[in-house]
Amino acid sequence: MTALAKETRRQSIEEMFVQHIENIYYPGFSQEMTEEQVALYDWEYKEFQKQFSIDN
């Protein structure tokens, strides 16, 4: 996979994650998480990414 393809895939997954989080809570929640609870955001995002892992 090229570097561009990897970056595009990463961006797409992150956009889906943000949309998912904001559908559960409220618009702007993911932004608040990145400002106030970075470790929680990172953990939630990694868990979300695992769902799309090719290794699963």
PDB file of N, CA and C in Angstrom:
ATOM      1  N   MET A   1       0.854  -1.171   0.000  1.00  0.00           N
ATOM      2  CA  MET A   1       0.000   0.000   0.000  1.00  0.00           C
ATOM      3  C   MET A   1       0.902   1.237   0.000  1.00  0.00           C
ATOM      4  N   THR A   2       0.593   2.180  -0.852  1.00  0.00           N
ATOM      5  CA  THR A   2       1.408   3.393  -0.931  1.00  0.00           C
ATOM      6  C   THR A   2       1.156   4.282   0.285  1.00  0.00           C
ATOM      7  N   ALA A   3       2.064   5.210   0.494  1.00  0.00           N
ATOM      8  CA  ALA A   3       1.927   6.137   1.623  1.00  0.00           C
ATOM      9  C   ALA A   3       0.646   6.956   1.487  1.00  0.00           C
ATOM     10  N   LEU A   4       0.307   7.367   0.274  1.00  0.00           N
ATOM     11  CA  LEU A   4      -0.916   8.137   0.044  1.00  0.00           C
ATOM     12  C   LEU A   4      -2.152   7.302   0.372  1.00  0.00           C
ATOM     13  N   ALA A   5      -2.154   6.048  -0.038  1.00  0.00           N
ATOM     14  CA  ALA A   5      -3.288   5.173   0.249  1.00  0.00           C
ATOM     15  C   ALA A   5      -3.443   4.949   1.749  1.00  0.00           C
ATOM     16  N   LYS A   6      -2.328   4.765   2.448  1.00  0.00           N
ATOM     17  CA  LYS A   6      -2.379   4.586   3.903  1.00  0.00           C
ATOM     18  C   LYS A   6      -2.930   5.827   4.590  1.00  0.00           C
ATOM     19  N   GLU A   7      -2.482   6.997   4.152  1.00  0.00           N
ATOM     20  CA  GLU A   7      -2.949   8.246   4.755  1.00  0.00           C
ATOM     21  C   GLU A   7      -4.431   8.452   4.475  1.00  0.00           C
ATOM     22  N   THR A   8      -4.865   8.155   3.264  1.00  0.00           N
ATOM     23  CA  THR A   8      -6.281   8.288   2.914  1.00  0.00           C
ATOM     24  C   THR A   8      -7.128   7.344   3.744  1.00  0.00           C
ATOM     25  N   ARG A   9      -6.662   6.119   3.925  1.00  0.00           N
ATOM     26  CA  ARG A   9      -7.392   5.152   4.740  1.00  0.00           C
ATOM     27  C   ARG A   9      -7.469   5.621   6.193  1.00  0.00           C
ATOM     28  N   ARG A  10      -6.374   6.144   6.727  1.00  0.00           N
ATOM     29  CA  ARG A  10      -6.345   6.639   8.094  1.00  0.00           C
ATOM     30  C   ARG A  10      -7.335   7.783   8.258  1.00  0.00           C
ATOM     31  N   GLN A  11      -7.335   8.702   7.295  1.00  0.00           N
ATOM     32  CA  GLN A  11      -8.249   9.842   7.368  1.00  0.00           C
ATOM     33  C   GLN A  11      -9.698   9.377   7.306  1.00  0.00           C
ATOM     34  N   SER A  12      -9.992   8.426   6.452  1.00  0.00           N
ATOM     35  CA  SER A  12     -11.357   7.938   6.317  1.00  0.00           C
ATOM     36  C   SER A  12     -11.833   7.281   7.604  1.00  0.00           C
ATOM     37  N   ILE A  13     -10.980   6.477   8.221  1.00  0.00           N
ATOM     38  CA  ILE A  13     -11.352   5.819   9.473  1.00  0.00           C
ATOM     39  C   ILE A  13     -11.550   6.858  10.571  1.00  0.00           C
ATOM     40  N   GLU A  14     -10.683   7.865  10.609  1.00  0.00           N
ATOM     41  CA  GLU A  14     -10.832   8.894  11.637  1.00  0.00           C
ATOM     42  C   GLU A  14     -12.117   9.699  11.422  1.00  0.00           C
ATOM     43  N   GLU A  15     -12.460   9.984  10.174  1.00  0.00           N
ATOM     44  CA  GLU A  15     -13.714  10.690   9.892  1.00  0.00           C
ATOM     45  C   GLU A  15     -14.914   9.849  10.327  1.00  0.00           C
ATOM     46  N   MET A  16     -14.860   8.551  10.072  1.00  0.00           N
ATOM     47  CA  MET A  16     -15.948   7.664  10.509  1.00  0.00           C
ATOM     48  C   MET A  16     -16.026   7.628  12.021  1.00  0.00           C
ATOM     49  N   PHE A  17     -14.881   7.607  12.687  1.00  0.00           N
ATOM     50  CA  PHE A  17     -14.852   7.600  14.140  1.00  0.00           C
ATOM     51  C   PHE A  17     -15.483   8.866  14.698  1.00  0.00           C
ATOM     52  N   VAL A  18     -15.105  10.006  14.160  1.00  0.00           N
ATOM     53  CA  VAL A  18     -15.662  11.280  14.634  1.00  0.00           C
ATOM     54  C   VAL A  18     -17.174  11.286  14.437  1.00  0.00           C
ATOM     55  N   GLN A  19     -17.622  10.848  13.278  1.00  0.00           N
ATOM     56  CA  GLN A  19     -19.060  10.805  13.013  1.00  0.00           C
ATOM     57  C   GLN A  19     -19.768   9.858  13.979  1.00  0.00           C
ATOM     58  N   HIS A  20     -19.163   8.722  14.236  1.00  0.00           N
ATOM     59  CA  HIS A  20     -19.725   7.739  15.157  1.00  0.00           C
ATOM     60  C   HIS A  20     -19.874   8.326  16.564  1.00  0.00           C
ATOM     61  N   ILE A  21     -18.809   8.930  17.066  1.00  0.00           N
ATOM     62  CA  ILE A  21     -18.817   9.526  18.405  1.00  0.00           C
ATOM     63  C   ILE A  21     -19.855  10.644  18.489  1.00  0.00           C
ATOM     64  N   GLU A  22     -19.916  11.469  17.460  1.00  0.00           N
ATOM     65  CA  GLU A  22     -20.847  12.589  17.494  1.00  0.00           C
ATOM     66  C   GLU A  22     -22.294  12.151  17.305  1.00  0.00           C
ATOM     67  N   ASN A  23     -22.516  11.003  16.678  1.00  0.00           N
ATOM     68  CA  ASN A  23     -23.877  10.457  16.596  1.00  0.00           C
ATOM     69  C   ASN A  23     -24.323   9.917  17.949  1.00  0.00           C
ATOM     70  N   ILE A  24     -23.389   9.369  18.706  1.00  0.00           N
ATOM     71  CA  ILE A  24     -23.722   8.836  20.028  1.00  0.00           C
ATOM     72  C   ILE A  24     -23.980   9.969  21.009  1.00  0.00           C
ATOM     73  N   TYR A  25     -23.126  10.953  21.013  1.00  0.00           N
ATOM     74  CA  TYR A  25     -23.207  12.033  21.995  1.00  0.00           C
ATOM     75  C   TYR A  25     -23.845  13.274  21.382  1.00  0.00           C
ATOM     76  N   TYR A  26     -23.058  14.168  20.834  1.00  0.00           N
ATOM     77  CA  TYR A  26     -23.586  15.383  20.214  1.00  0.00           C
ATOM     78  C   TYR A  26     -22.512  15.982  19.313  1.00  0.00           C
ATOM     79  N   PRO A  27     -22.933  16.796  18.338  1.00  0.00           N
ATOM     80  CA  PRO A  27     -21.952  17.427  17.457  1.00  0.00           C
ATOM     81  C   PRO A  27     -20.947  18.255  18.261  1.00  0.00           C
ATOM     82  N   GLY A  28     -19.690  18.086  17.934  1.00  0.00           N
ATOM     83  CA  GLY A  28     -18.627  18.806  18.628  1.00  0.00           C
ATOM     84  C   GLY A  28     -18.008  18.031  19.780  1.00  0.00           C
ATOM     85  N   PHE A  29     -18.597  16.891  20.132  1.00  0.00           N
ATOM     86  CA  PHE A  29     -18.081  16.114  21.259  1.00  0.00           C
ATOM     87  C   PHE A  29     -16.669  15.624  21.011  1.00  0.00           C
ATOM     88  N   SER A  30     -16.379  15.171  19.796  1.00  0.00           N
ATOM     89  CA  SER A  30     -15.030  14.660  19.515  1.00  0.00           C
ATOM     90  C   SER A  30     -13.986  15.778  19.649  1.00  0.00           C
ATOM     91  N   GLN A  31     -14.345  16.985  19.256  1.00  0.00           N
ATOM     92  CA  GLN A  31     -13.426  18.122  19.412  1.00  0.00           C
ATOM     93  C   GLN A  31     -13.169  18.392  20.892  1.00  0.00           C
ATOM     94  N   GLU A  32     -14.213  18.337  21.697  1.00  0.00           N
ATOM     95  CA  GLU A  32     -14.047  18.527  23.140  1.00  0.00           C
ATOM     96  C   GLU A  32     -13.148  17.446  23.729  1.00  0.00           C
ATOM     97  N   MET A  33     -13.325  16.203  23.256  1.00  0.00           N
ATOM     98  CA  MET A  33     -12.492  15.103  23.744  1.00  0.00           C
ATOM     99  C   MET A  33     -11.023  15.349  23.424  1.00  0.00           C
ATOM    100  N   THR A  34     -10.743  15.822  22.214  1.00  0.00           N
ATOM    101  CA  THR A  34      -9.343  16.036  21.839  1.00  0.00           C
ATOM    102  C   THR A  34      -8.717  17.168  22.643  1.00  0.00           C
ATOM    103  N   GLU A  35      -9.527  18.096  23.107  1.00  0.00           N
ATOM    104  CA  GLU A  35      -9.006  19.211  23.887  1.00  0.00           C
ATOM    105  C   GLU A  35      -8.894  18.888  25.378  1.00  0.00           C
ATOM    106  N   GLU A  36      -9.827  18.086  25.896  1.00  0.00           N
ATOM    107  CA  GLU A  36      -9.907  17.864  27.335  1.00  0.00           C
ATOM    108  C   GLU A  36      -9.461  16.481  27.793  1.00  0.00           C
ATOM    109  N   GLN A  37      -9.630  15.490  26.944  1.00  0.00           N
ATOM    110  CA  GLN A  37      -9.327  14.111  27.339  1.00  0.00           C
ATOM    111  C   GLN A  37      -8.613  13.382  26.205  1.00  0.00           C
ATOM    112  N   VAL A  38      -7.417  13.821  25.905  1.00  0.00           N
ATOM    113  CA  VAL A  38      -6.661  13.288  24.771  1.00  0.00           C
ATOM    114  C   VAL A  38      -6.450  11.784  24.905  1.00  0.00           C
ATOM    115  N   ALA A  39      -6.090  11.312  26.084  1.00  0.00           N
ATOM    116  CA  ALA A  39      -5.832   9.875  26.280  1.00  0.00           C
ATOM    117  C   ALA A  39      -7.090   9.058  26.006  1.00  0.00           C
ATOM    118  N   LEU A  40      -8.238   9.538  26.446  1.00  0.00           N
ATOM    119  CA  LEU A  40      -9.497   8.829  26.198  1.00  0.00           C
ATOM    120  C   LEU A  40      -9.821   8.810  24.710  1.00  0.00           C
ATOM    121  N   TYR A  41      -9.632   9.932  24.036  1.00  0.00           N
ATOM    122  CA  TYR A  41      -9.868  10.001  22.593  1.00  0.00           C
ATOM    123  C   TYR A  41      -8.975   8.991  21.872  1.00  0.00           C
ATOM    124  N   ASP A  42      -7.690   8.992  22.204  1.00  0.00           N
ATOM    125  CA  ASP A  42      -6.744   8.079  21.562  1.00  0.00           C
ATOM    126  C   ASP A  42      -7.139   6.632  21.785  1.00  0.00           C
ATOM    127  N   TRP A  43      -7.532   6.293  23.011  1.00  0.00           N
ATOM    128  CA  TRP A  43      -7.921   4.910  23.312  1.00  0.00           C
ATOM    129  C   TRP A  43      -9.175   4.520  22.537  1.00  0.00           C
ATOM    130  N   GLU A  44     -10.176   5.394  22.552  1.00  0.00           N
ATOM    131  CA  GLU A  44     -11.419   5.115  21.824  1.00  0.00           C
ATOM    132  C   GLU A  44     -11.152   4.960  20.326  1.00  0.00           C
ATOM    133  N   TYR A  45     -10.298   5.822  19.798  1.00  0.00           N
ATOM    134  CA  TYR A  45      -9.986   5.762  18.375  1.00  0.00           C
ATOM    135  C   TYR A  45      -9.266   4.461  18.028  1.00  0.00           C
ATOM    136  N   LYS A  46      -8.329   4.035  18.837  1.00  0.00           N
ATOM    137  CA  LYS A  46      -7.617   2.780  18.592  1.00  0.00           C
ATOM    138  C   LYS A  46      -8.565   1.586  18.657  1.00  0.00           C
ATOM    139  N   GLU A  47      -9.482   1.609  19.604  1.00  0.00           N
ATOM    140  CA  GLU A  47     -10.474   0.534  19.694  1.00  0.00           C
ATOM    141  C   GLU A  47     -11.364   0.518  18.453  1.00  0.00           C
ATOM    142  N   PHE A  48     -11.737   1.693  17.971  1.00  0.00           N
ATOM    143  CA  PHE A  48     -12.555   1.805  16.762  1.00  0.00           C
ATOM    144  C   PHE A  48     -11.778   1.264  15.560  1.00  0.00           C
ATOM    145  N   GLN A  49     -10.491   1.597  15.461  1.00  0.00           N
ATOM    146  CA  GLN A  49      -9.664   1.127  14.356  1.00  0.00           C
ATOM    147  C   GLN A  49      -9.572  -0.401  14.327  1.00  0.00           C
ATOM    148  N   LYS A  50      -9.527  -1.019  15.490  1.00  0.00           N
ATOM    149  CA  LYS A  50      -9.435  -2.476  15.549  1.00  0.00           C
ATOM    150  C   LYS A  50     -10.590  -3.152  14.821  1.00  0.00           C
ATOM    151  N   GLN A  51     -11.722  -2.505  14.784  1.00  0.00           N
ATOM    152  CA  GLN A  51     -12.881  -3.063  14.099  1.00  0.00           C
ATOM    153  C   GLN A  51     -12.647  -3.168  12.591  1.00  0.00           C
ATOM    154  N   PHE A  52     -11.744  -2.355  12.060  1.00  0.00           N
ATOM    155  CA  PHE A  52     -11.481  -2.336  10.624  1.00  0.00           C
ATOM    156  C   PHE A  52     -10.145  -2.962  10.274  1.00  0.00           C
ATOM    157  N   SER A  53      -9.510  -3.592  11.243  1.00  0.00           N
ATOM    158  CA  SER A  53      -8.227  -4.213  11.011  1.00  0.00           C
ATOM    159  C   SER A  53      -8.355  -5.405  10.077  1.00  0.00           C
ATOM    160  N   ILE A  54      -7.444  -5.520   9.161  1.00  0.00           N
ATOM    161  CA  ILE A  54      -7.434  -6.645   8.220  1.00  0.00           C
ATOM    162  C   ILE A  54      -7.123  -7.936   8.973  1.00  0.00           C
ATOM    163  N   ASP A  55      -6.410  -7.847  10.079  1.00  0.00           N
ATOM    164  CA  ASP A  55      -6.013  -9.014  10.833  1.00  0.00           C
ATOM    165  C   ASP A  55      -7.181  -9.705  11.545  1.00  0.00           C
ATOM    166  N   ASN A  56      -8.302  -9.014  11.696  1.00  0.00           N
ATOM    167  CA  ASN A  56      -9.461  -9.614  12.391  1.00  0.00           C
ATOM    168  C   ASN A  56     -10.166 -10.621  11.545  1.00  0.00           C
TER     169      ASN A  56
END
